[in-house]
C-alpha cells in the first residue's frame, strides 16, 4: 500500500471517532435552550419597561386629578382671577409639581391661562413652544368637553406626556366648568429615574410626524421588534408605543444583556476544550505514525535540498530512498530535476538579458531579438522599424550633476521609451552608456516617426533640467529612425546610427529618418513638425 492509502486509513480511524463525539456533544441543542431563556428574560424586561412608562403617566394623571377637583381652581376657571393665576398658578407651582406645562381651559375650550417652565434650566419659558400641544387639546375639548385622558405628543425632537381632566368641585358635585392640562417632558431627568427604578438600559426616539394626542393606556398596546447585535455583550429590542388607533408615537430601544448566550458560549468552550483534548490525543497517535512513514524521510530530503540550495552546488544529489512508495519515487525524480537545474543554471548564469540600471532589455537581448525580428520580417514581408536614441550632452550632464543624477536621467529615458513603445511586441533596450534603441515590429517609417516625435515630446514634458546642454535647457534625445529592407542586420543598425549622427550634427533634440535602401533619401523631422 502506498503512503497515501496509509494516511487515509489512519485519518479515517482517528478523526472519525473525534467527529462522532463532537456531533454527539454539539447536537444537544445548547443554543436553542439558552436562546429561549434569553427570549423570556427580554420579554419580562420589556414588560417592566412598559409598566414604568404607565407609572409615569399614572403619576401625572393623579396629580392632574388633584388639581381638577380643587375648589379654588373651579372658581378660577369661571372668573379668571389674575391674582389667583399669579399666586397659585405661577412658575413656582410648576417647579414644585415638576411640570413643564400647565393650562386651564373654560367650558367652551377657551384658554384661560397657561404657564411653561424649563425644569432643567429652572426658568419660565414662553408658552409658544407648546402651542401645538395646546391647540390639539383645544380641538379635542371642543368635541368632548368633559373628556379625561392621558397621552403623548411629539413636539419637534421632544416627547411630551399630557394629562387633562374636567374641572369640578372638590365634592365632585355640579357641572364641569372647564379642563386643566398638565404636561411633563420625557427628558433625561425622567428617563434617568425610570432607568434607576427598572434597572433597564433603554433610550427613546420620538417618531417624527406624529402630533396627535393618544388615548389613555397608550402603553398597553405595543409592538416589539428585535434588532441585530449592536455590540458583543448587548442586544437591542425596539418597541413602538402606540394608542388604540394604532399610530406609533414613541419608539423605545431597550438594551439587554446576552448573559444566557454568554453562558452558552462558556458551555460550548468547555465542549471545545474537551474536543481539543481528544484532538491532541488523536494527534499524538497520528504524529507517531506519520513521523515514521513520512516526516522522517521528508526531513532528510528537505535537509539535502536546503544544503544544495544554500551552497549553489547543483551537482550534488539528494538521498534516494529504497522501496516502492511515493517518497521513493519523489527522491529519484528530485535527482533528475537537479540534473536539469544544473544544466539550466549554467545557461542562465551566462545569459543576462536585462540592463540592471534601467530594467529594460540589454544589448544581448536586443541583438537576439533583432535577429529574430529580421528573419520574421523577411518571411512575412511586414515592416520592421528601428529607432536609435542618444541622450544629448550626457557627459556634460554627468560631469555637472553627478553620476547618481545621471543614472536617474537614464532611468527616466528608459521609462519614457517603455511608455511610448507600449505594445507587447515592441522592445526598448539600452545598448550601452547613453545609447538606446527601440524595435517596432509591423511598423512602417511613418508610424516610427510619429512614435519618435511622441517620445521626444513626452521626455520634454518631464522637464528634467540640463543647464549644460547645447540643445535645450532640459534633458533631450537625438533620434534616428529607419526601417529594415532586404539587407543585413549590420546595414540596418548602421543606417540607424547614421540618422542619429545626422540629428546630432543638425543641433540635437530632433528626429532624423532614413528610408530603407530602396528609398535612399535622408530627411529630418524636427520636433515642431
Protein backbone atom coordinates (compact mmCIF):
# COMPACT_ATOMS: atom_id res chain seq x y z
CA UNK A 1 0.00 0.00 0.00
CA UNK A 2 1.27 3.47 -0.87
CA UNK A 3 1.75 6.25 1.62
CA UNK A 4 -1.48 7.92 0.51
CA UNK A 5 -3.54 4.85 1.44
CA UNK A 6 -1.79 4.52 4.78
CA UNK A 7 -2.51 8.16 5.67
CA UNK A 8 -6.14 7.91 4.56
CA UNK A 9 -6.82 4.89 6.76
CA UNK A 10 -5.09 6.45 9.76
CA UNK A 11 -7.03 9.69 9.27
CA UNK A 12 -10.38 7.89 8.98
CA UNK A 13 -9.84 5.88 12.17
CA UNK A 14 -8.59 8.80 14.29
CA UNK A 15 -10.76 11.70 13.16
CA UNK A 16 -13.84 9.56 12.54
CA UNK A 17 -14.03 8.85 16.28
CA UNK A 18 -13.43 12.55 17.06
CA UNK A 19 -16.14 13.71 14.64
CA UNK A 20 -18.66 11.30 16.17
CA UNK A 21 -18.01 12.59 19.69
CA UNK A 22 -18.20 16.21 18.52
CA UNK A 23 -21.51 15.61 16.81
CA UNK A 24 -23.00 14.00 19.94
CA UNK A 25 -21.99 16.94 22.12
CA UNK A 26 -22.94 19.79 19.80
CA UNK A 27 -26.30 18.30 18.85
CA UNK A 28 -27.61 18.75 22.41
CA UNK A 29 -29.45 21.94 21.46
CA UNK A 30 -27.38 24.22 23.69
CA UNK A 31 -28.01 27.30 21.62
CA UNK A 32 -31.73 26.64 21.35
CA UNK A 33 -32.16 26.23 25.10
CA UNK A 34 -30.14 29.29 26.04
CA UNK A 35 -31.78 31.44 23.38
CA UNK A 36 -35.19 30.52 24.76
CA UNK A 37 -34.12 31.62 28.23
CA UNK A 38 -32.82 34.87 26.81
CA UNK A 39 -36.09 35.48 24.95
CA UNK A 40 -38.15 35.03 28.09
CA UNK A 41 -35.91 37.35 30.09
CA UNK A 42 -36.08 40.06 27.44
CA UNK A 43 -39.91 39.80 27.39
CA UNK A 44 -40.01 40.28 31.14
CA UNK A 45 -37.72 43.28 30.88
CA UNK A 46 -39.74 44.96 28.14
CA UNK A 47 -42.96 44.37 30.12
CA UNK A 48 -41.36 46.02 33.13
CA UNK A 49 -40.29 48.92 30.96
CA UNK A 50 -43.87 49.39 29.74
CA UNK A 51 -45.09 49.37 33.34
CA UNK A 52 -42.60 52.11 34.15
CA UNK A 53 -43.96 54.23 31.33
CA UNK A 54 -47.50 53.58 32.60
CA UNK A 55 -46.41 54.54 36.10
CA UNK A 56 -45.12 57.89 34.86
CA UNK A 57 -48.43 58.61 33.14
CA UNK A 58 -50.38 57.41 36.17
CA UNK A 59 -48.44 59.73 38.45
CA UNK A 60 -49.14 62.64 36.13
CA UNK A 61 -52.81 61.66 35.92
CA UNK A 62 -53.09 61.53 39.71
CA UNK A 63 -51.56 64.98 40.05
CA UNK A 64 -53.86 66.24 37.33
CA UNK A 65 -56.92 64.83 39.19
CA UNK A 66 -55.92 66.61 42.42
CA UNK A 67 -55.84 69.95 40.62
CA UNK A 68 -59.04 69.24 38.67
CA UNK A 69 -61.01 68.77 41.93
CA UNK A 70 -59.56 71.84 43.63
CA UNK A 71 -62.35 74.27 44.56
CA UNK A 72 -60.13 77.32 44.06
CA UNK A 73 -59.34 76.25 40.52
CA UNK A 74 -63.06 75.55 39.98
CA UNK A 75 -63.88 79.20 40.70
CA UNK A 76 -60.84 80.47 38.77
CA UNK A 77 -61.98 78.67 35.60
CA UNK A 78 -65.20 80.71 35.81
CA UNK A 79 -63.94 84.20 36.64
CA UNK A 80 -60.25 84.08 35.54
CA UNK A 81 -58.95 85.97 38.54
CA UNK A 82 -55.49 87.35 37.57
CA UNK A 83 -54.38 87.44 41.19
CA UNK A 84 -55.12 83.74 41.62
CA UNK A 85 -53.14 82.95 38.49
CA UNK A 86 -50.15 84.91 39.78
CA UNK A 87 -50.29 83.37 43.26
CA UNK A 88 -51.32 79.78 42.65
CA UNK A 89 -50.52 79.03 39.00
CA UNK A 90 -47.06 80.54 38.89
CA UNK A 91 -43.78 79.11 37.74
CA UNK A 92 -43.09 78.15 41.34
CA UNK A 93 -46.15 75.90 41.32
CA UNK A 94 -44.92 74.18 38.13
CA UNK A 95 -41.46 73.76 39.57
CA UNK A 96 -42.87 72.25 42.77
CA UNK A 97 -45.08 69.82 40.82
CA UNK A 98 -42.23 69.04 38.36
CA UNK A 99 -44.34 70.14 35.40
CA UNK A 100 -43.20 71.62 32.11
CA UNK A 101 -46.65 72.81 31.06
CA UNK A 102 -49.94 73.73 32.75
CA UNK A 103 -53.01 75.24 31.12
CA UNK A 104 -56.60 75.94 32.19
CA UNK A 105 -59.49 76.00 29.72
CA UNK A 106 -63.05 77.22 30.30
CA UNK A 107 -66.21 75.30 29.50
CA UNK A 108 -66.04 76.46 25.85
CA UNK A 109 -62.46 75.15 25.46
CA UNK A 110 -61.17 78.69 25.56
CA UNK A 111 -57.72 79.17 27.04
CA UNK A 112 -57.94 80.89 30.45
CA UNK A 113 -54.26 80.76 31.39
CA UNK A 114 -51.12 78.84 30.58
CA UNK A 115 -47.66 78.53 32.04
CA UNK A 116 -44.49 76.86 30.70
CA UNK A 117 -41.39 76.02 32.68
CA UNK A 118 -37.97 74.59 31.90
CA UNK A 119 -37.20 72.23 34.78
CA UNK A 120 -33.59 71.68 33.78
CA UNK A 121 -32.77 75.39 33.47
CA UNK A 122 -35.19 76.23 36.36
CA UNK A 123 -36.70 79.20 34.49
CA UNK A 124 -40.03 80.13 32.98
CA UNK A 125 -40.14 79.97 29.20
CA UNK A 126 -42.56 81.29 26.57
CA UNK A 127 -45.58 79.08 26.06
CA UNK A 128 -45.18 79.29 22.28
CA UNK A 129 -43.02 76.17 22.46
CA UNK A 130 -46.05 74.11 23.48
CA UNK A 131 -48.60 75.90 21.30
CA UNK A 132 -49.13 72.84 19.02
CA UNK A 133 -49.98 70.65 22.03
CA UNK A 134 -52.37 73.22 23.50
CA UNK A 135 -54.02 73.73 20.11
CA UNK A 136 -54.51 69.99 19.66
CA UNK A 137 -56.07 69.68 23.10
CA UNK A 138 -58.44 72.58 22.40
CA UNK A 139 -59.64 70.69 19.34
CA UNK A 140 -60.27 67.63 21.49
CA UNK A 141 -62.11 69.63 24.18
CA UNK A 142 -64.39 71.27 21.63
CA UNK A 143 -65.55 67.83 20.57
CA UNK A 144 -65.60 66.27 24.06
CA UNK A 145 -65.55 68.99 26.76
CA UNK A 146 -65.76 66.52 29.64
CA UNK A 147 -63.08 64.13 28.35
CA UNK A 148 -60.40 62.89 30.72
CA UNK A 149 -57.34 61.34 29.17
CA UNK A 150 -53.56 60.99 29.13
CA UNK A 151 -51.36 60.59 26.13
CA UNK A 152 -48.22 61.51 24.25
CA UNK A 153 -47.47 64.42 21.98
CA UNK A 154 -44.37 64.62 19.81
CA UNK A 155 -43.01 68.13 19.66
CA UNK A 156 -40.04 68.50 17.31
CA UNK A 157 -37.42 66.24 18.91
CA UNK A 158 -39.15 66.06 22.32
CA UNK A 159 -41.95 63.86 23.60
CA UNK A 160 -44.48 65.41 25.95
CA UNK A 161 -46.64 63.42 28.38
CA UNK A 162 -50.06 65.08 28.67
CA UNK A 163 -52.97 64.54 31.06
CA UNK A 164 -56.20 66.54 31.21
CA UNK A 165 -59.39 66.32 33.25
CA UNK A 166 -62.61 68.35 33.60
CA UNK A 167 -62.58 70.84 36.46
CA UNK A 168 -65.24 70.12 39.12
CA UNK A 169 -65.84 70.97 42.77
CA UNK A 170 -63.99 69.04 45.43
CA UNK A 171 -67.16 67.14 46.33
CA UNK A 172 -67.48 66.24 42.61
CA UNK A 173 -70.85 67.97 42.54
CA UNK A 174 -72.00 70.35 39.84
CA UNK A 175 -71.12 70.51 36.21
CA UNK A 176 -67.65 70.85 34.82
CA UNK A 177 -66.57 74.45 34.29
CA UNK A 178 -63.53 73.68 32.11
CA UNK A 179 -60.46 71.49 31.92
CA UNK A 180 -56.95 71.55 33.36
CA UNK A 181 -53.98 70.29 31.32
CA UNK A 182 -50.62 69.19 32.70
CA UNK A 183 -47.58 68.25 30.68
CA UNK A 184 -44.23 66.75 31.54
CA UNK A 185 -41.36 66.15 29.13
CA UNK A 186 -39.80 62.73 28.80
CA UNK A 187 -36.42 64.36 29.38
CA UNK A 188 -33.14 63.00 30.71
CA UNK A 189 -34.29 63.50 34.29
CA UNK A 190 -37.45 61.42 33.88
CA UNK A 191 -35.73 58.76 31.79
CA UNK A 192 -32.90 58.54 34.30
CA UNK A 193 -35.38 57.92 37.10
CA UNK A 194 -37.05 55.19 35.04
CA UNK A 195 -33.72 53.53 34.34
CA UNK A 196 -32.84 53.58 38.02
CA UNK A 197 -36.20 52.16 39.07
CA UNK A 198 -36.27 49.41 36.46
CA UNK A 199 -32.52 48.70 36.16
CA UNK A 200 -33.11 48.56 32.38
CA UNK A 201 -30.86 50.23 29.84
CA UNK A 202 -33.06 51.93 27.25
CA UNK A 203 -33.48 55.06 25.15
CA UNK A 204 -36.46 56.71 23.46
CA UNK A 205 -36.87 58.11 19.97
CA UNK A 206 -39.89 60.29 19.18
CA UNK A 207 -41.36 59.25 15.84
CA UNK A 208 -41.45 62.25 13.53
CA UNK A 209 -44.71 63.39 12.04
CA UNK A 210 -46.88 62.15 14.93
CA UNK A 211 -48.60 65.14 16.50
CA UNK A 212 -51.88 63.67 17.70
CA UNK A 213 -52.82 63.13 21.32
CA UNK A 214 -53.22 59.46 22.07
CA UNK A 215 -55.85 57.96 24.39
CA UNK A 216 -55.15 56.78 27.91
CA UNK A 217 -53.35 53.44 28.44
CA UNK A 218 -51.25 54.24 25.42
CA UNK A 219 -48.53 51.88 26.60
CA UNK A 220 -50.77 48.87 26.99
CA UNK A 221 -50.53 48.24 23.24
CA UNK A 222 -47.06 47.98 21.74
CA UNK A 223 -45.06 46.20 19.05
CA UNK A 224 -41.61 44.79 19.83
CA UNK A 225 -39.07 44.37 17.04
CA UNK A 226 -35.71 42.72 17.61
CA UNK A 227 -32.68 44.32 16.03
CA UNK A 228 -29.33 42.74 15.09
CA UNK A 229 -26.45 42.62 17.53
CA UNK A 230 -25.04 46.05 18.30
CA UNK A 231 -22.03 45.02 20.38
CA UNK A 232 -20.70 41.67 21.57
CA UNK A 233 -22.37 41.70 25.03
CA UNK A 234 -25.62 43.55 24.30
CA UNK A 235 -28.64 43.20 22.01
CA UNK A 236 -31.46 45.65 21.43
CA UNK A 237 -35.24 45.32 21.45
CA UNK A 238 -37.13 48.11 19.73
CA UNK A 239 -40.65 48.86 20.99
CA UNK A 240 -43.11 51.10 19.20
CA UNK A 241 -45.53 52.67 21.67
CA UNK A 242 -48.91 53.43 20.16
CA UNK A 243 -52.51 54.14 21.11
CA UNK A 244 -55.71 52.36 20.30
CA UNK A 245 -55.65 53.99 16.88
CA UNK A 246 -52.51 52.03 16.07
CA UNK A 247 -50.47 55.11 15.22
CA UNK A 248 -46.99 54.89 16.77
CA UNK A 249 -45.88 57.93 18.72
CA UNK A 250 -42.73 56.81 20.50
CA UNK A 251 -40.03 54.25 19.97
CA UNK A 252 -38.22 52.79 22.98
CA UNK A 253 -35.00 50.89 22.35
CA UNK A 254 -34.04 48.56 25.18
CA UNK A 255 -30.51 47.21 25.50
CA UNK A 256 -30.50 43.85 27.24
CA UNK A 257 -27.64 41.67 28.28
CA UNK A 258 -26.78 38.50 26.47
CA UNK A 259 -25.91 36.63 29.66
CA UNK A 260 -27.68 33.49 28.50
CA UNK A 261 -25.84 33.46 25.22
CA UNK A 262 -22.59 34.06 27.05
CA UNK A 263 -23.35 31.13 29.32
CA UNK A 264 -24.00 29.04 26.25
CA UNK A 265 -20.70 30.16 24.83
CA UNK A 266 -18.96 29.12 28.05
CA UNK A 267 -20.52 25.67 27.80
CA UNK A 268 -19.52 25.44 24.16
CA UNK A 269 -15.99 26.49 25.07
CA UNK A 270 -15.93 23.69 27.62
CA UNK A 271 -17.09 21.27 24.96
CA UNK A 272 -14.49 22.58 22.57
CA UNK A 273 -11.81 22.20 25.23
CA UNK A 274 -12.84 18.60 25.64
CA UNK A 275 -12.71 18.13 21.89
CA UNK A 276 -9.32 19.82 21.85
CA UNK A 277 -8.02 17.29 24.36
CA UNK A 278 -9.39 14.49 22.21
CA UNK A 279 -7.75 16.05 19.16
CA UNK A 280 -4.43 16.25 20.98
CA UNK A 281 -4.60 12.62 21.96
CA UNK A 282 -5.55 11.69 18.42
CA UNK A 283 -2.83 13.90 17.05
CA UNK A 284 -0.28 12.11 19.20
CA UNK A 285 -1.20 8.81 17.64
CA UNK A 286 -1.21 10.35 14.19
CA UNK A 287 2.16 12.01 14.71
CA UNK A 288 3.80 8.72 15.71
CA UNK A 289 2.58 7.03 12.58
CA UNK A 290 3.24 9.93 10.21
CA UNK A 291 6.69 10.55 11.67
CA UNK A 292 7.78 7.04 10.82
CA UNK A 293 6.05 6.87 7.46
CA UNK A 294 6.54 10.39 6.15
CA UNK A 295 8.15 13.14 8.26
CA UNK A 296 11.49 11.45 8.96
CA UNK A 297 12.16 10.81 5.29
CA UNK A 298 10.83 14.20 4.15
CA UNK A 299 13.12 15.95 6.64
CA UNK A 300 16.10 14.10 5.22
CA UNK A 301 15.07 15.06 1.70
CA UNK A 302 14.47 18.68 2.73
CA UNK A 303 17.82 18.90 4.50
CA UNK A 304 19.69 17.76 1.39
CA UNK A 305 17.78 20.24 -0.78
CA UNK A 306 18.46 23.13 1.62
CA UNK A 307 22.17 22.38 1.62
CA UNK A 308 22.27 22.23 -2.17
CA UNK A 309 20.33 25.49 -2.48
CA UNK A 310 22.43 27.32 0.13
CA UNK A 311 25.73 26.26 -1.42
CA UNK A 312 24.60 26.50 -5.06
CA UNK A 313 26.28 23.16 -5.63
CA UNK A 314 23.79 21.86 -8.17
CA UNK A 315 26.00 18.88 -8.99
CA UNK A 316 25.12 17.33 -5.61
CA UNK A 317 22.21 14.89 -5.29
CA UNK A 318 19.73 14.05 -2.54
CA UNK A 319 19.49 10.70 -0.81
CA UNK A 320 17.42 8.13 -2.69
CA UNK A 321 15.08 6.00 -0.54
CA UNK A 322 14.68 2.34 -1.18
CA UNK A 323 11.20 0.99 -1.69
CA UNK A 324 8.20 1.47 -3.94
CA UNK A 325 6.12 4.20 -2.25
CA UNK A 326 5.68 7.80 -3.36
CA UNK A 327 8.65 9.21 -1.39
CA UNK A 328 10.99 6.80 -3.09
CA UNK A 329 9.74 8.00 -6.48
CA UNK A 330 10.00 11.61 -5.27
CA UNK A 331 13.66 11.23 -4.29
CA UNK A 332 14.51 9.74 -7.70
CA UNK A 333 12.56 12.43 -9.56
CA UNK A 334 14.23 15.12 -7.47
CA UNK A 335 17.65 13.98 -8.53
CA UNK A 336 16.53 14.00 -12.15
CA UNK A 337 15.25 17.53 -11.69
CA UNK A 338 18.53 18.59 -10.09
CA UNK A 339 20.31 17.40 -13.22
CA UNK A 340 18.09 19.62 -15.35
CA UNK A 341 18.57 22.55 -12.95
CA UNK A 342 22.33 22.10 -13.08
CA UNK A 343 22.26 22.42 -16.86
CA UNK A 344 19.87 25.37 -16.84
CA UNK A 345 21.76 27.29 -14.14
CA UNK A 346 24.90 27.29 -16.24
CA UNK A 347 22.94 28.67 -19.15
CA UNK A 348 21.16 31.31 -17.08
CA UNK A 349 24.34 32.46 -15.39
CA UNK A 350 25.93 33.01 -18.77
CA UNK A 351 22.94 34.85 -20.13
CA UNK A 352 21.65 38.12 -18.71
CA UNK A 353 19.06 39.84 -20.77
CA UNK A 354 18.12 42.83 -18.61
CA UNK A 355 20.01 46.05 -18.06
CA UNK A 356 20.43 46.31 -14.26
CA UNK A 357 20.14 50.12 -14.16
CA UNK A 358 17.16 50.84 -16.39
CA UNK A 359 15.42 47.45 -16.03
CA UNK A 360 14.88 47.26 -19.79
CA UNK A 361 16.47 44.87 -22.28
CA UNK A 362 20.24 44.98 -22.59
CA UNK A 363 22.45 44.74 -25.69
CA UNK A 364 22.42 40.92 -25.67
CA UNK A 365 18.63 40.79 -25.57
CA UNK A 366 18.45 43.45 -28.29
CA UNK A 367 20.78 41.57 -30.61
CA UNK A 368 18.88 38.32 -30.17
CA UNK A 369 15.53 39.97 -30.72
CA UNK A 370 16.75 41.98 -33.72
CA UNK A 371 17.96 38.83 -35.46
CA UNK A 372 14.66 37.09 -34.79
CA UNK A 373 12.57 40.07 -36.00
CA UNK A 374 14.70 40.49 -39.15
CA UNK A 375 14.03 36.86 -40.06
CA UNK A 376 10.30 37.25 -39.30
CA UNK A 377 10.09 40.44 -41.38
CA UNK A 378 11.84 38.74 -44.31
CA UNK A 379 9.42 35.79 -44.19
CA UNK A 380 6.19 37.74 -43.68
CA UNK A 381 7.00 40.87 -45.66
CA UNK A 382 5.78 43.03 -42.75
CA UNK A 383 7.82 46.17 -41.98
CA UNK A 384 10.27 46.36 -39.09
CA UNK A 385 11.22 49.79 -37.74
CA UNK A 386 14.30 50.61 -35.67
CA UNK A 387 14.77 53.73 -33.51
CA UNK A 388 18.26 54.59 -32.29
CA UNK A 389 18.46 57.16 -29.48
CA UNK A 390 21.32 59.05 -27.92
CA UNK A 391 20.94 61.30 -24.85
CA UNK A 392 22.13 64.78 -25.79
CA UNK A 393 25.21 66.15 -23.99
CA UNK A 394 25.08 63.35 -21.44
CA UNK A 395 28.78 63.65 -20.49
CA UNK A 396 28.17 67.28 -19.50
CA UNK A 397 25.14 66.15 -17.52
CA UNK A 398 27.19 63.55 -15.61
CA UNK A 399 30.12 65.93 -15.06
CA UNK A 400 27.93 68.70 -13.62
CA UNK A 401 25.07 66.86 -11.89
CA UNK A 402 26.93 63.76 -10.78
CA UNK A 403 26.67 60.10 -11.70
CA UNK A 404 23.67 59.34 -9.40
CA UNK A 405 21.70 62.06 -11.20
CA UNK A 406 22.94 60.66 -14.50
CA UNK A 407 21.66 57.22 -13.55
CA UNK A 408 18.27 58.73 -12.68
CA UNK A 409 18.21 60.53 -16.03
CA UNK A 410 18.89 57.28 -17.89
CA UNK A 411 16.12 55.57 -15.93
CA UNK A 412 13.73 58.36 -16.89
CA UNK A 413 14.63 57.99 -20.56
CA UNK A 414 14.03 54.22 -20.31
CA UNK A 415 10.67 54.80 -18.65
CA UNK A 416 9.58 57.21 -21.41
CA UNK A 417 10.70 54.67 -24.02
CA UNK A 418 8.58 51.93 -22.42
CA UNK A 419 5.57 54.26 -22.23
CA UNK A 420 5.94 55.15 -25.90
CA UNK A 421 6.64 51.61 -27.17
CA UNK A 422 3.84 50.01 -25.19
CA UNK A 423 2.82 47.13 -27.44
CA UNK A 424 3.76 43.65 -26.25
CA UNK A 425 5.76 43.12 -29.44
CA UNK A 426 7.79 46.35 -29.03
CA UNK A 427 11.26 46.15 -27.43
CA UNK A 428 13.02 49.04 -25.68
CA UNK A 429 16.72 48.36 -24.97
CA UNK A 430 19.77 50.06 -23.56
CA UNK A 431 22.75 49.38 -25.82
CA UNK A 432 25.32 50.92 -23.52
CA UNK A 433 26.07 54.23 -21.81
CA UNK A 434 23.58 56.80 -23.05
CA UNK A 435 22.70 54.85 -26.20
CA UNK A 436 19.25 53.26 -26.54
CA UNK A 437 17.20 51.57 -29.23
CA UNK A 438 13.60 50.55 -29.87
CA UNK A 439 12.44 47.71 -32.11
CA UNK A 440 8.96 48.17 -33.61
CA UNK A 441 7.72 45.06 -35.46
CA UNK A 442 4.96 45.56 -38.03
CA UNK A 443 5.56 49.33 -38.05
CA UNK A 444 6.33 51.48 -41.08
CA UNK A 445 8.50 54.57 -41.32
CA UNK A 446 5.59 56.99 -40.76
CA UNK A 447 4.47 55.19 -37.62
CA UNK A 448 8.01 55.05 -36.29
CA UNK A 449 8.45 58.78 -36.96
CA UNK A 450 5.24 59.56 -35.08
CA UNK A 451 6.33 57.43 -32.12
CA UNK A 452 9.75 59.11 -32.08
CA UNK A 453 8.18 62.57 -32.00
CA UNK A 454 5.82 61.48 -29.23
CA UNK A 455 8.73 60.07 -27.23
CA UNK A 456 10.71 63.30 -27.51
CA UNK A 457 7.68 65.36 -26.53
CA UNK A 458 6.99 63.15 -23.50
CA UNK A 459 10.60 63.46 -22.35
CA UNK A 460 10.45 67.26 -22.78
CA UNK A 461 7.26 67.38 -20.70
CA UNK A 462 9.15 65.82 -17.82
CA UNK A 463 11.41 68.89 -17.93
CA UNK A 464 14.49 67.25 -16.44
CA UNK A 465 16.81 70.23 -16.02
CA UNK A 466 20.01 70.21 -18.11
CA UNK A 467 21.57 73.66 -17.97
CA UNK A 468 24.71 72.44 -19.71
CA UNK A 469 23.06 71.16 -22.87
CA UNK A 470 23.57 72.92 -26.20
CA UNK A 471 20.17 71.71 -27.41
CA UNK A 472 17.77 72.89 -24.70
CA UNK A 473 17.56 73.77 -21.01
CA UNK A 474 16.25 70.28 -20.24
CA UNK A 475 17.21 66.71 -20.99
CA UNK A 476 16.66 65.75 -24.67
CA UNK A 477 17.50 62.93 -27.04
CA UNK A 478 18.59 62.74 -30.66
CA UNK A 479 16.72 60.04 -32.56
CA UNK A 480 17.40 58.18 -35.76
CA UNK A 481 14.58 56.25 -37.44
CA UNK A 482 14.74 53.68 -40.20
CA UNK A 483 13.01 50.55 -41.43
CA UNK A 484 14.52 47.25 -42.48
CA UNK A 485 14.91 46.40 -46.12
CA UNK A 486 16.50 43.50 -47.96
CA UNK A 487 19.74 43.87 -46.07
CA UNK A 488 21.87 42.58 -43.23
CA UNK A 489 21.46 43.42 -39.55
CA UNK A 490 24.70 45.34 -39.65
CA UNK A 491 23.42 47.51 -42.51
CA UNK A 492 20.16 48.28 -40.67
CA UNK A 493 21.95 49.27 -37.45
CA UNK A 494 24.49 51.35 -39.35
CA UNK A 495 21.73 53.27 -41.11
CA UNK A 496 20.00 53.99 -37.78
CA UNK A 497 23.33 55.19 -36.33
CA UNK A 498 23.79 57.41 -39.40
CA UNK A 499 20.41 59.01 -38.74
CA UNK A 500 21.31 59.62 -35.07
CA UNK A 501 24.60 61.20 -36.15
CA UNK A 502 22.71 63.45 -38.56
CA UNK A 503 20.31 64.55 -35.77
CA UNK A 504 23.27 65.42 -33.53
CA UNK A 505 25.04 67.27 -36.33
CA UNK A 506 21.92 69.34 -37.01
CA UNK A 507 21.71 70.63 -33.44
CA UNK A 508 20.39 67.64 -31.42
CA UNK A 509 16.89 67.29 -29.88
CA UNK A 510 15.41 66.17 -33.17
CA UNK A 511 14.36 63.13 -35.18
CA UNK A 512 16.02 62.12 -38.47
CA UNK A 513 14.57 59.38 -40.63
CA UNK A 514 16.44 57.23 -43.16
CA UNK A 515 14.28 55.17 -45.57
CA UNK A 516 15.27 51.60 -46.50
CA UNK A 517 17.98 51.12 -49.18
CA UNK A 518 15.40 51.27 -51.98
CA UNK A 519 14.48 54.84 -50.93
CA UNK A 520 17.84 56.41 -50.22
CA UNK A 521 16.88 59.99 -49.40
CA UNK A 522 17.81 61.26 -45.94
CA UNK A 523 15.30 63.61 -44.32
CA UNK A 524 14.78 65.13 -40.90
CA UNK A 525 11.73 65.58 -38.68
CA UNK A 526 12.05 68.46 -36.24
CA UNK A 527 10.06 68.39 -33.01
CA UNK A 528 7.96 71.31 -34.17
CA UNK A 529 6.62 69.36 -37.20
